[in-house]
Amino acid sequence: MDVEIGRGAEAVITETVFHGRRAAVKTRVPKGYRHPEIESRIGSSRIKKEARVIRETRAAGVRTPVIYDIDLQKGSITMELLEGPKAKDFIDSAGDPLDICRRIGAAVARLHAAGICHGDLTTSNMIVCQDGSIGFIDFSLGDVKADTEALGVDMHLLERSFSSAHSSVDKGYETIIGSYREGMPDAKAVLERVEVIRGRARYT
């Protein structure tokens, strides 16, 4: 029996079994105010885009769910269920939270070095996998061939969400940034753009 394990404004996530493997099915929630034909086109386009971002992220060596099936008519993606706690739930209770922060920074660096932005880069969308790697989920707002602005928005969101959710972790975000600088060739340009974005946010 399928079990709902997550729900957002855009989609419902259910756990299921796909050919004997535990899997997650992400199904878009139709917007009732749109004409059905328009909704179908928009839904198909977004599903295809998310699947592409996931595939390119995996190709870059970053842990994401393996895609098992795409159903454009139902508006769903069936994918591997990543085993492990969300980083948001793990960091504060970890014996060495800075080690997790270092791993997060390195994983984000690999993502950004491949020109991919996540679009909703928070610790709620990161899984501490059983092998110790950091996996990413929910690429509905992600994109490939992202510019410095998009990567800067990613890092600005991570900074804000980390300071909000993990304020008790001393030097946590600084550790993420240190690891990010080591793995991301264009880190300087991205972090400079974060300063610009932060400045814009102060006056809006």
N, C-alpha and C. Protein backbone atom coordinates (compact mmCIF):
# COMPACT_ATOMS: atom_id res chain seq x y z
N MET A 1 0.85 -1.20 0.00
CA MET A 1 0.00 0.00 0.00
C MET A 1 0.88 1.24 0.00
N ASP A 2 0.56 2.21 -0.85
CA ASP A 2 1.32 3.46 -0.89
C ASP A 2 1.02 4.29 0.35
N VAL A 3 2.06 4.94 0.87
CA VAL A 3 1.92 5.75 2.08
C VAL A 3 2.44 7.15 1.78
N GLU A 4 1.65 8.16 2.10
CA GLU A 4 2.09 9.55 1.90
C GLU A 4 3.19 9.88 2.90
N ILE A 5 4.31 10.40 2.40
CA ILE A 5 5.43 10.74 3.28
C ILE A 5 5.81 12.22 3.19
N GLY A 6 5.14 12.95 2.32
CA GLY A 6 5.44 14.37 2.20
C GLY A 6 4.42 15.07 1.33
N ARG A 7 4.21 16.34 1.62
CA ARG A 7 3.25 17.12 0.83
C ARG A 7 3.68 18.57 0.82
N GLY A 8 3.65 19.17 -0.37
CA GLY A 8 3.97 20.58 -0.51
C GLY A 8 2.93 21.26 -1.38
N ALA A 9 3.19 22.51 -1.71
CA ALA A 9 2.24 23.27 -2.52
C ALA A 9 2.14 22.72 -3.94
N GLU A 10 3.24 22.11 -4.42
CA GLU A 10 3.30 21.67 -5.81
C GLU A 10 3.14 20.17 -6.01
N ALA A 11 3.40 19.38 -4.97
CA ALA A 11 3.42 17.93 -5.19
C ALA A 11 3.16 17.15 -3.90
N VAL A 12 2.76 15.89 -4.09
CA VAL A 12 2.60 14.94 -2.99
C VAL A 12 3.63 13.83 -3.19
N ILE A 13 4.30 13.42 -2.10
CA ILE A 13 5.29 12.35 -2.17
C ILE A 13 4.73 11.13 -1.45
N THR A 14 4.71 10.00 -2.11
CA THR A 14 4.27 8.76 -1.49
C THR A 14 5.37 7.71 -1.59
N GLU A 15 5.42 6.84 -0.58
CA GLU A 15 6.35 5.71 -0.62
C GLU A 15 5.62 4.52 -1.23
N THR A 16 6.29 3.81 -2.10
CA THR A 16 5.70 2.66 -2.76
C THR A 16 6.78 1.60 -2.99
N VAL A 17 6.41 0.53 -3.68
CA VAL A 17 7.37 -0.49 -4.09
C VAL A 17 7.34 -0.56 -5.61
N PHE A 18 8.51 -0.43 -6.22
CA PHE A 18 8.62 -0.46 -7.68
C PHE A 18 9.53 -1.61 -8.07
N HIS A 19 8.95 -2.63 -8.67
CA HIS A 19 9.71 -3.83 -9.06
C HIS A 19 10.57 -4.35 -7.92
N GLY A 20 9.95 -4.45 -6.75
CA GLY A 20 10.62 -5.03 -5.60
C GLY A 20 11.52 -4.08 -4.83
N ARG A 21 11.61 -2.83 -5.26
CA ARG A 21 12.47 -1.85 -4.58
C ARG A 21 11.63 -0.76 -3.93
N ARG A 22 12.04 -0.34 -2.74
CA ARG A 22 11.37 0.80 -2.11
C ARG A 22 11.58 2.03 -2.98
N ALA A 23 10.52 2.78 -3.18
CA ALA A 23 10.61 3.93 -4.08
C ALA A 23 9.74 5.06 -3.56
N ALA A 24 10.01 6.25 -4.08
CA ALA A 24 9.20 7.43 -3.79
C ALA A 24 8.55 7.89 -5.09
N VAL A 25 7.28 8.23 -5.02
CA VAL A 25 6.58 8.76 -6.18
C VAL A 25 6.21 10.21 -5.90
N LYS A 26 6.71 11.09 -6.74
CA LYS A 26 6.38 12.51 -6.63
C LYS A 26 5.33 12.84 -7.67
N THR A 27 4.14 13.25 -7.21
CA THR A 27 3.03 13.52 -8.12
C THR A 27 2.62 14.99 -7.99
N ARG A 28 2.64 15.67 -9.10
CA ARG A 28 2.26 17.08 -9.10
C ARG A 28 0.79 17.25 -8.73
N VAL A 29 0.52 18.31 -7.98
CA VAL A 29 -0.86 18.64 -7.61
C VAL A 29 -1.41 19.59 -8.67
N PRO A 30 -2.43 19.19 -9.42
CA PRO A 30 -2.97 20.08 -10.47
C PRO A 30 -3.53 21.37 -9.87
N LYS A 31 -3.35 22.46 -10.60
CA LYS A 31 -3.90 23.74 -10.18
C LYS A 31 -5.29 23.89 -10.81
N GLY A 32 -6.30 23.90 -9.97
CA GLY A 32 -7.68 23.92 -10.45
C GLY A 32 -8.06 25.16 -11.24
N TYR A 33 -7.30 26.25 -11.06
CA TYR A 33 -7.65 27.49 -11.75
C TYR A 33 -7.16 27.51 -13.19
N ARG A 34 -6.35 26.51 -13.57
CA ARG A 34 -5.85 26.47 -14.94
C ARG A 34 -6.72 25.57 -15.80
N HIS A 35 -6.79 25.91 -17.09
CA HIS A 35 -7.46 25.03 -18.04
C HIS A 35 -6.71 23.69 -18.05
N PRO A 36 -7.45 22.56 -18.06
CA PRO A 36 -6.80 21.25 -17.99
C PRO A 36 -5.70 21.04 -19.03
N GLU A 37 -5.91 21.52 -20.24
CA GLU A 37 -4.90 21.33 -21.29
C GLU A 37 -3.64 22.12 -20.98
N ILE A 38 -3.83 23.36 -20.50
CA ILE A 38 -2.68 24.19 -20.13
C ILE A 38 -1.97 23.58 -18.93
N GLU A 39 -2.74 23.10 -17.95
CA GLU A 39 -2.15 22.48 -16.76
C GLU A 39 -1.33 21.25 -17.15
N SER A 40 -1.85 20.47 -18.10
CA SER A 40 -1.14 19.27 -18.55
C SER A 40 0.19 19.63 -19.20
N ARG A 41 0.18 20.68 -20.04
CA ARG A 41 1.42 21.10 -20.71
C ARG A 41 2.45 21.61 -19.71
N ILE A 42 1.98 22.43 -18.78
CA ILE A 42 2.89 22.98 -17.77
C ILE A 42 3.46 21.86 -16.91
N GLY A 43 2.59 20.95 -16.49
CA GLY A 43 3.02 19.84 -15.64
C GLY A 43 4.05 18.97 -16.34
N SER A 44 3.80 18.64 -17.61
CA SER A 44 4.73 17.80 -18.37
C SER A 44 6.08 18.48 -18.51
N SER A 45 6.05 19.78 -18.80
CA SER A 45 7.29 20.53 -18.97
C SER A 45 8.10 20.55 -17.68
N ARG A 46 7.44 20.74 -16.56
CA ARG A 46 8.16 20.83 -15.29
C ARG A 46 8.71 19.47 -14.85
N ILE A 47 7.96 18.43 -15.13
CA ILE A 47 8.44 17.09 -14.79
C ILE A 47 9.67 16.74 -15.61
N LYS A 48 9.62 17.03 -16.90
CA LYS A 48 10.76 16.76 -17.77
C LYS A 48 11.99 17.54 -17.30
N LYS A 49 11.76 18.81 -16.93
CA LYS A 49 12.88 19.63 -16.49
C LYS A 49 13.48 19.10 -15.20
N GLU A 50 12.63 18.73 -14.24
CA GLU A 50 13.14 18.21 -12.97
C GLU A 50 13.92 16.92 -13.19
N ALA A 51 13.39 16.04 -14.05
CA ALA A 51 14.09 14.78 -14.34
C ALA A 51 15.45 15.06 -14.97
N ARG A 52 15.51 16.05 -15.85
CA ARG A 52 16.79 16.38 -16.48
C ARG A 52 17.79 16.90 -15.45
N VAL A 53 17.33 17.75 -14.54
CA VAL A 53 18.23 18.28 -13.52
C VAL A 53 18.76 17.15 -12.64
N ILE A 54 17.88 16.23 -12.26
CA ILE A 54 18.30 15.10 -11.42
C ILE A 54 19.35 14.26 -12.15
N ARG A 55 19.09 13.96 -13.42
CA ARG A 55 20.03 13.14 -14.18
C ARG A 55 21.39 13.82 -14.32
N GLU A 56 21.38 15.12 -14.61
CA GLU A 56 22.65 15.82 -14.78
C GLU A 56 23.39 15.97 -13.46
N THR A 57 22.63 16.07 -12.37
CA THR A 57 23.26 16.13 -11.05
C THR A 57 23.97 14.82 -10.74
N ARG A 58 23.32 13.70 -11.02
CA ARG A 58 23.94 12.40 -10.81
C ARG A 58 25.18 12.24 -11.70
N ALA A 59 25.06 12.72 -12.93
CA ALA A 59 26.20 12.63 -13.85
C ALA A 59 27.40 13.42 -13.35
N ALA A 60 27.12 14.45 -12.53
CA ALA A 60 28.20 15.28 -11.97
C ALA A 60 28.80 14.64 -10.72
N GLY A 61 28.31 13.46 -10.34
CA GLY A 61 28.85 12.77 -9.17
C GLY A 61 28.23 13.17 -7.86
N VAL A 62 27.05 13.79 -7.92
CA VAL A 62 26.34 14.21 -6.72
C VAL A 62 25.20 13.24 -6.46
N ARG A 63 25.02 12.83 -5.23
CA ARG A 63 24.02 11.81 -4.88
C ARG A 63 22.61 12.38 -5.02
N THR A 64 21.79 11.73 -5.81
CA THR A 64 20.38 12.04 -5.94
C THR A 64 19.63 10.72 -6.11
N PRO A 65 18.31 10.72 -6.01
CA PRO A 65 17.58 9.48 -6.28
C PRO A 65 17.74 9.07 -7.75
N VAL A 66 17.81 7.76 -7.97
CA VAL A 66 17.78 7.23 -9.33
C VAL A 66 16.34 7.29 -9.82
N ILE A 67 16.13 7.78 -11.03
CA ILE A 67 14.78 7.84 -11.58
C ILE A 67 14.42 6.48 -12.18
N TYR A 68 13.29 5.93 -11.75
CA TYR A 68 12.83 4.63 -12.25
C TYR A 68 11.81 4.78 -13.37
N ASP A 69 10.94 5.78 -13.26
CA ASP A 69 9.85 5.90 -14.23
C ASP A 69 9.30 7.32 -14.22
N ILE A 70 8.83 7.77 -15.38
CA ILE A 70 8.17 9.07 -15.52
C ILE A 70 6.83 8.85 -16.20
N ASP A 71 5.77 9.38 -15.62
CA ASP A 71 4.44 9.27 -16.21
C ASP A 71 3.92 10.69 -16.43
N LEU A 72 3.99 11.15 -17.67
CA LEU A 72 3.59 12.53 -17.95
C LEU A 72 2.09 12.72 -17.83
N GLN A 73 1.32 11.68 -18.11
CA GLN A 73 -0.14 11.81 -17.99
C GLN A 73 -0.57 11.96 -16.54
N LYS A 74 0.04 11.18 -15.66
CA LYS A 74 -0.29 11.29 -14.24
C LYS A 74 0.47 12.45 -13.58
N GLY A 75 1.48 12.93 -14.25
CA GLY A 75 2.28 14.01 -13.69
C GLY A 75 3.15 13.54 -12.54
N SER A 76 3.80 12.38 -12.73
CA SER A 76 4.55 11.80 -11.62
C SER A 76 5.94 11.31 -12.05
N ILE A 77 6.83 11.29 -11.07
CA ILE A 77 8.17 10.71 -11.23
C ILE A 77 8.33 9.66 -10.14
N THR A 78 8.67 8.44 -10.53
CA THR A 78 8.96 7.38 -9.57
C THR A 78 10.47 7.26 -9.48
N MET A 79 10.99 7.30 -8.26
CA MET A 79 12.44 7.33 -8.09
C MET A 79 12.86 6.57 -6.84
N GLU A 80 14.14 6.35 -6.75
CA GLU A 80 14.72 5.70 -5.58
C GLU A 80 14.35 6.46 -4.31
N LEU A 81 14.08 5.72 -3.25
CA LEU A 81 13.86 6.33 -1.94
C LEU A 81 15.20 6.38 -1.22
N LEU A 82 15.76 7.56 -1.10
CA LEU A 82 17.06 7.68 -0.42
C LEU A 82 16.90 7.35 1.06
N GLU A 83 17.71 6.40 1.53
CA GLU A 83 17.65 5.97 2.92
C GLU A 83 18.51 6.89 3.77
N GLY A 84 17.96 7.35 4.89
CA GLY A 84 18.73 8.18 5.80
C GLY A 84 17.92 9.37 6.27
N PRO A 85 18.36 10.00 7.37
CA PRO A 85 17.64 11.17 7.89
C PRO A 85 17.92 12.41 7.06
N LYS A 86 17.00 13.35 7.13
CA LYS A 86 17.25 14.65 6.52
C LYS A 86 18.36 15.34 7.32
N ALA A 87 19.20 16.08 6.61
CA ALA A 87 20.28 16.79 7.29
C ALA A 87 19.73 17.73 8.36
N LYS A 88 18.56 18.30 8.11
CA LYS A 88 17.96 19.21 9.09
C LYS A 88 17.75 18.53 10.43
N ASP A 89 17.37 17.25 10.39
CA ASP A 89 17.09 16.50 11.62
C ASP A 89 18.36 15.88 12.21
N PHE A 90 19.42 15.84 11.43
CA PHE A 90 20.62 15.12 11.84
C PHE A 90 21.70 16.02 12.42
N ILE A 91 21.83 17.21 11.88
CA ILE A 91 22.99 18.06 12.21
C ILE A 91 23.09 18.36 13.70
N ASP A 92 22.01 18.80 14.31
CA ASP A 92 22.08 19.24 15.70
C ASP A 92 22.35 18.10 16.67
N SER A 93 22.03 16.86 16.27
CA SER A 93 22.24 15.71 17.15
C SER A 93 23.50 14.93 16.80
N ALA A 94 24.20 15.34 15.75
CA ALA A 94 25.39 14.61 15.30
C ALA A 94 26.52 14.77 16.31
N GLY A 95 27.31 13.72 16.45
CA GLY A 95 28.45 13.79 17.36
C GLY A 95 29.45 14.84 16.91
N ASP A 96 29.61 14.98 15.59
CA ASP A 96 30.52 15.97 15.03
C ASP A 96 29.77 16.72 13.93
N PRO A 97 28.97 17.73 14.31
CA PRO A 97 28.17 18.43 13.30
C PRO A 97 29.02 19.13 12.24
N LEU A 98 30.23 19.53 12.59
CA LEU A 98 31.07 20.22 11.60
C LEU A 98 31.53 19.27 10.49
N ASP A 99 31.61 17.99 10.80
CA ASP A 99 31.94 17.01 9.75
C ASP A 99 30.81 16.96 8.73
N ILE A 100 29.58 16.97 9.19
CA ILE A 100 28.43 16.99 8.28
C ILE A 100 28.45 18.28 7.47
N CYS A 101 28.78 19.39 8.12
CA CYS A 101 28.85 20.68 7.42
C CYS A 101 29.90 20.65 6.32
N ARG A 102 31.04 20.03 6.61
CA ARG A 102 32.08 19.92 5.58
C ARG A 102 31.57 19.12 4.38
N ARG A 103 30.84 18.04 4.67
CA ARG A 103 30.31 17.20 3.60
C ARG A 103 29.25 17.94 2.79
N ILE A 104 28.45 18.74 3.47
CA ILE A 104 27.44 19.54 2.76
C ILE A 104 28.13 20.52 1.83
N GLY A 105 29.13 21.23 2.33
CA GLY A 105 29.84 22.20 1.51
C GLY A 105 30.47 21.57 0.29
N ALA A 106 31.06 20.37 0.46
CA ALA A 106 31.71 19.67 -0.66
C ALA A 106 30.67 19.23 -1.68
N ALA A 107 29.51 18.75 -1.21
CA ALA A 107 28.46 18.29 -2.13
C ALA A 107 27.87 19.46 -2.92
N VAL A 108 27.64 20.58 -2.25
CA VAL A 108 27.11 21.77 -2.95
C VAL A 108 28.14 22.28 -3.95
N ALA A 109 29.41 22.21 -3.60
CA ALA A 109 30.47 22.64 -4.52
C ALA A 109 30.45 21.81 -5.80
N ARG A 110 30.29 20.49 -5.66
CA ARG A 110 30.23 19.63 -6.85
C ARG A 110 29.01 19.98 -7.70
N LEU A 111 27.90 20.24 -7.04
CA LEU A 111 26.68 20.62 -7.74
C LEU A 111 26.89 21.90 -8.54
N HIS A 112 27.40 22.92 -7.88
CA HIS A 112 27.58 24.22 -8.52
C HIS A 112 28.70 24.20 -9.55
N ALA A 113 29.74 23.42 -9.32
CA ALA A 113 30.84 23.33 -10.28
C ALA A 113 30.35 22.76 -11.61
N ALA A 114 29.27 21.98 -11.55
CA ALA A 114 28.67 21.43 -12.77
C ALA A 114 27.67 22.39 -13.40
N GLY A 115 27.54 23.59 -12.81
CA GLY A 115 26.62 24.59 -13.36
C GLY A 115 25.17 24.32 -13.04
N ILE A 116 24.91 23.60 -11.96
CA ILE A 116 23.55 23.24 -11.58
C ILE A 116 23.17 23.95 -10.30
N CYS A 117 22.01 24.61 -10.31
CA CYS A 117 21.48 25.19 -9.07
C CYS A 117 20.33 24.31 -8.59
N HIS A 118 20.19 24.20 -7.29
CA HIS A 118 19.13 23.38 -6.71
C HIS A 118 17.80 24.11 -6.71
N GLY A 119 17.83 25.38 -6.36
CA GLY A 119 16.61 26.18 -6.37
C GLY A 119 15.92 26.27 -5.02
N ASP A 120 16.14 25.28 -4.15
CA ASP A 120 15.56 25.29 -2.80
C ASP A 120 16.57 24.64 -1.86
N LEU A 121 17.73 25.25 -1.78
CA LEU A 121 18.89 24.65 -1.11
C LEU A 121 18.81 24.85 0.40
N THR A 122 18.12 23.94 1.06
CA THR A 122 18.01 23.94 2.52
C THR A 122 18.38 22.56 3.04
N THR A 123 18.63 22.46 4.33
CA THR A 123 18.98 21.15 4.90
C THR A 123 17.78 20.21 4.94
N SER A 124 16.59 20.73 4.69
CA SER A 124 15.40 19.87 4.59
C SER A 124 15.42 19.08 3.29
N ASN A 125 16.18 19.56 2.31
CA ASN A 125 16.26 18.88 1.01
C ASN A 125 17.59 18.15 0.82
N MET A 126 18.24 17.84 1.94
CA MET A 126 19.47 17.05 1.93
C MET A 126 19.28 15.82 2.80
N ILE A 127 19.74 14.68 2.31
CA ILE A 127 19.66 13.42 3.04
C ILE A 127 21.07 12.97 3.42
N VAL A 128 21.26 12.60 4.68
CA VAL A 128 22.51 11.99 5.11
C VAL A 128 22.37 10.50 4.82
N CYS A 129 22.92 10.07 3.70
CA CYS A 129 22.72 8.69 3.22
C CYS A 129 23.50 7.69 4.08
N GLN A 130 23.12 6.43 3.95
CA GLN A 130 23.71 5.39 4.79
C GLN A 130 25.21 5.24 4.56
N ASP A 131 25.69 5.60 3.38
CA ASP A 131 27.13 5.51 3.11
C ASP A 131 27.88 6.77 3.54
N GLY A 132 27.15 7.71 4.16
CA GLY A 132 27.78 8.94 4.65
C GLY A 132 27.75 10.10 3.67
N SER A 133 27.36 9.84 2.43
CA SER A 133 27.30 10.92 1.44
C SER A 133 26.09 11.81 1.70
N ILE A 134 26.14 13.00 1.16
CA ILE A 134 25.01 13.94 1.23
C ILE A 134 24.23 13.83 -0.07
N GLY A 135 22.96 13.46 0.03
CA GLY A 135 22.11 13.37 -1.14
C GLY A 135 21.15 14.54 -1.19
N PHE A 136 20.76 14.92 -2.39
CA PHE A 136 19.83 16.03 -2.58
C PHE A 136 18.51 15.51 -3.13
N ILE A 137 17.42 16.08 -2.65
CA ILE A 137 16.09 15.75 -3.13
C ILE A 137 15.36 17.04 -3.51
N ASP A 138 14.25 16.89 -4.22
CA ASP A 138 13.37 17.98 -4.62
C ASP A 138 14.07 19.04 -5.48
N PHE A 139 14.19 18.71 -6.76
CA PHE A 139 14.80 19.63 -7.72
C PHE A 139 13.75 20.36 -8.56
N SER A 140 12.55 20.54 -8.00
CA SER A 140 11.47 21.15 -8.78
C SER A 140 11.78 22.59 -9.18
N LEU A 141 12.65 23.26 -8.44
CA LEU A 141 13.03 24.64 -8.77
C LEU A 141 14.46 24.71 -9.32
N GLY A 142 15.05 23.56 -9.57
CA GLY A 142 16.43 23.52 -10.02
C GLY A 142 16.59 23.84 -11.50
N ASP A 143 17.84 24.02 -11.91
CA ASP A 143 18.12 24.31 -13.31
C ASP A 143 19.55 23.94 -13.64
N VAL A 144 19.78 23.68 -14.91
CA VAL A 144 21.13 23.40 -15.39
C VAL A 144 21.65 24.65 -16.13
N LYS A 145 22.94 24.69 -16.35
CA LYS A 145 23.57 25.85 -16.97
C LYS A 145 23.20 27.13 -16.22
N ALA A 146 23.22 27.03 -14.90
CA ALA A 146 22.84 28.16 -14.06
C ALA A 146 23.93 29.23 -14.07
N ASP A 147 23.52 30.49 -14.02
CA ASP A 147 24.49 31.58 -13.98
C ASP A 147 24.87 31.90 -12.54
N THR A 148 25.78 32.85 -12.39
CA THR A 148 26.28 33.21 -11.06
C THR A 148 25.17 33.71 -10.16
N GLU A 149 24.22 34.42 -10.71
CA GLU A 149 23.09 34.91 -9.93
C GLU A 149 22.31 33.75 -9.31
N ALA A 150 21.99 32.75 -10.12
CA ALA A 150 21.21 31.61 -9.62
C ALA A 150 21.98 30.84 -8.55
N LEU A 151 23.28 30.67 -8.75
CA LEU A 151 24.10 29.98 -7.75
C LEU A 151 24.20 30.81 -6.48
N GLY A 152 24.27 32.13 -6.65
CA GLY A 152 24.30 33.01 -5.49
C GLY A 152 23.00 32.94 -4.69
N VAL A 153 21.88 32.86 -5.39
CA VAL A 153 20.58 32.73 -4.71
C VAL A 153 20.54 31.42 -3.92
N ASP A 154 21.07 30.35 -4.52
CA ASP A 154 21.17 29.07 -3.81
C ASP A 154 21.90 29.24 -2.48
N MET A 155 23.09 29.85 -2.54
CA MET A 155 23.91 29.98 -1.34
C MET A 155 23.28 30.95 -0.33
N HIS A 156 22.63 31.98 -0.81
CA HIS A 156 21.95 32.92 0.09
C HIS A 156 20.83 32.21 0.84
N LEU A 157 20.08 31.37 0.13
CA LEU A 157 19.00 30.62 0.78
C LEU A 157 19.57 29.63 1.79
N LEU A 158 20.67 28.96 1.43
CA LEU A 158 21.28 28.02 2.37
C LEU A 158 21.76 28.74 3.62
N GLU A 159 22.36 29.91 3.43
CA GLU A 159 22.84 30.70 4.57
C GLU A 159 21.69 31.06 5.51
N ARG A 160 20.61 31.56 4.93
CA ARG A 160 19.47 31.98 5.75
C ARG A 160 18.83 30.80 6.45
N SER A 161 18.63 29.71 5.73
CA SER A 161 17.96 28.55 6.33
C SER A 161 18.85 27.90 7.39
N PHE A 162 20.18 27.89 7.15
CA PHE A 162 21.08 27.28 8.12
C PHE A 162 21.11 28.09 9.41
N SER A 163 21.19 29.40 9.28
CA SER A 163 21.24 30.23 10.49
C SER A 163 19.94 30.14 11.27
N SER A 164 18.84 29.89 10.58
CA SER A 164 17.55 29.76 11.24
C SER A 164 17.39 28.41 11.91
N ALA A 165 17.73 27.34 11.19
CA ALA A 165 17.47 25.98 11.68
C ALA A 165 18.58 25.43 12.57
N HIS A 166 19.80 25.97 12.41
CA HIS A 166 20.95 25.38 13.11
C HIS A 166 21.80 26.43 13.80
N SER A 167 21.16 27.38 14.43
CA SER A 167 21.88 28.48 15.07
C SER A 167 22.77 28.00 16.22
N SER A 168 22.48 26.81 16.75
CA SER A 168 23.27 26.31 17.88
C SER A 168 24.60 25.68 17.44
N VAL A 169 24.78 25.48 16.13
CA VAL A 169 26.02 24.85 15.64
C VAL A 169 27.06 25.93 15.41
N ASP A 170 27.99 26.02 16.32
CA ASP A 170 29.02 27.04 16.23
C ASP A 170 29.92 26.82 15.02
N LYS A 171 30.07 27.85 14.22
CA LYS A 171 30.90 27.82 13.00
C LYS A 171 30.40 26.83 11.95
N GLY A 172 29.13 26.49 12.02
CA GLY A 172 28.57 25.53 11.07
C GLY A 172 28.56 26.05 9.64
N TYR A 173 27.99 27.22 9.45
CA TYR A 173 27.91 27.75 8.08
C TYR A 173 29.30 28.13 7.57
N GLU A 174 30.14 28.64 8.45
CA GLU A 174 31.51 28.97 8.05
C GLU A 174 32.25 27.72 7.56
N THR A 175 31.96 26.58 8.19
CA THR A 175 32.58 25.32 7.77
C THR A 175 32.07 24.90 6.40
N ILE A 176 30.77 25.09 6.16
CA ILE A 176 30.21 24.80 4.84
C ILE A 176 30.91 25.63 3.78
N ILE A 177 31.06 26.92 4.06
CA ILE A 177 31.69 27.82 3.09
C ILE A 177 33.15 27.44 2.84
N GLY A 178 33.86 27.06 3.90
CA GLY A 178 35.25 26.66 3.73
C GLY A 178 35.38 25.46 2.80
N SER A 179 34.52 24.48 2.98
CA SER A 179 34.52 23.30 2.14
C SER A 179 34.07 23.63 0.72
N TYR A 180 33.10 24.54 0.62
CA TYR A 180 32.60 24.98 -0.69
C TYR A 180 33.71 25.66 -1.48
N ARG A 181 34.48 26.51 -0.82
CA ARG A 181 35.59 27.20 -1.51
C ARG A 181 36.61 26.21 -2.06
N GLU A 182 36.85 25.13 -1.32
CA GLU A 182 37.85 24.15 -1.75
C GLU A 182 37.42 23.41 -3.02
N GLY A 183 36.10 23.19 -3.17
CA GLY A 183 35.64 22.36 -4.28
C GLY A 183 35.01 23.10 -5.44
N MET A 184 34.73 24.38 -5.27
CA MET A 184 34.04 25.15 -6.30
C MET A 184 35.00 26.16 -6.93
N PRO A 185 35.41 25.96 -8.18
CA PRO A 185 36.39 26.87 -8.81
C PRO A 185 35.93 28.33 -8.83
N ASP A 186 34.63 28.57 -9.01
CA ASP A 186 34.13 29.94 -9.10
C ASP A 186 33.51 30.41 -7.78
N ALA A 187 33.96 29.82 -6.67
CA ALA A 187 33.38 30.16 -5.37
C ALA A 187 33.44 31.65 -5.07
N LYS A 188 34.56 32.29 -5.41
CA LYS A 188 34.74 33.72 -5.10
C LYS A 188 33.64 34.55 -5.77
N ALA A 189 33.37 34.29 -7.05
CA ALA A 189 32.35 35.05 -7.78
C ALA A 189 30.97 34.79 -7.20
N VAL A 190 30.69 33.54 -6.84
CA VAL A 190 29.37 33.20 -6.30
C VAL A 190 29.17 33.87 -4.94
N LEU A 191 30.16 33.81 -4.08
CA LEU A 191 30.03 34.38 -2.75
C LEU A 191 29.99 35.91 -2.79
N GLU A 192 30.67 36.50 -3.75
CA GLU A 192 30.54 37.94 -3.95
C GLU A 192 29.12 38.30 -4.36
N ARG A 193 28.51 37.45 -5.20
CA ARG A 193 27.12 37.70 -5.61
C ARG A 193 26.17 37.54 -4.43
N VAL A 194 26.48 36.64 -3.50
CA VAL A 194 25.66 36.50 -2.29
C VAL A 194 25.62 37.83 -1.53
N GLU A 195 26.77 38.51 -1.47
CA GLU A 195 26.82 39.81 -0.78
C GLU A 195 25.88 40.81 -1.47
N VAL A 196 25.87 40.79 -2.80
CA VAL A 196 24.97 41.69 -3.55
C VAL A 196 23.52 41.34 -3.26
N ILE A 197 23.20 40.06 -3.28
CA ILE A 197 21.82 39.61 -3.03
C ILE A 197 21.41 39.97 -1.61
N ARG A 198 22.32 39.79 -0.67
CA ARG A 198 22.02 40.13 0.72
C ARG A 198 21.74 41.62 0.85
N GLY A 199 22.51 42.42 0.14
CA GLY A 199 22.31 43.88 0.16
C GLY A 199 20.96 44.26 -0.44
N ARG A 200 20.57 43.59 -1.52
CA ARG A 200 19.27 43.88 -2.13
C ARG A 200 18.14 43.55 -1.15
N ALA A 201 18.31 42.43 -0.44
CA ALA A 201 17.25 41.97 0.46
C ALA A 201 17.02 42.96 1.59
N ARG A 202 18.07 43.69 1.99
CA ARG A 202 17.93 44.65 3.09
C ARG A 202 17.01 45.80 2.74
N TYR A 203 16.93 46.10 1.45
CA TYR A 203 16.18 47.29 1.04
C TYR A 203 14.87 46.95 0.32
N THR A 204 14.41 45.71 0.48
CA THR A 204 13.13 45.32 -0.13
C THR A 204 12.17 44.87 0.95
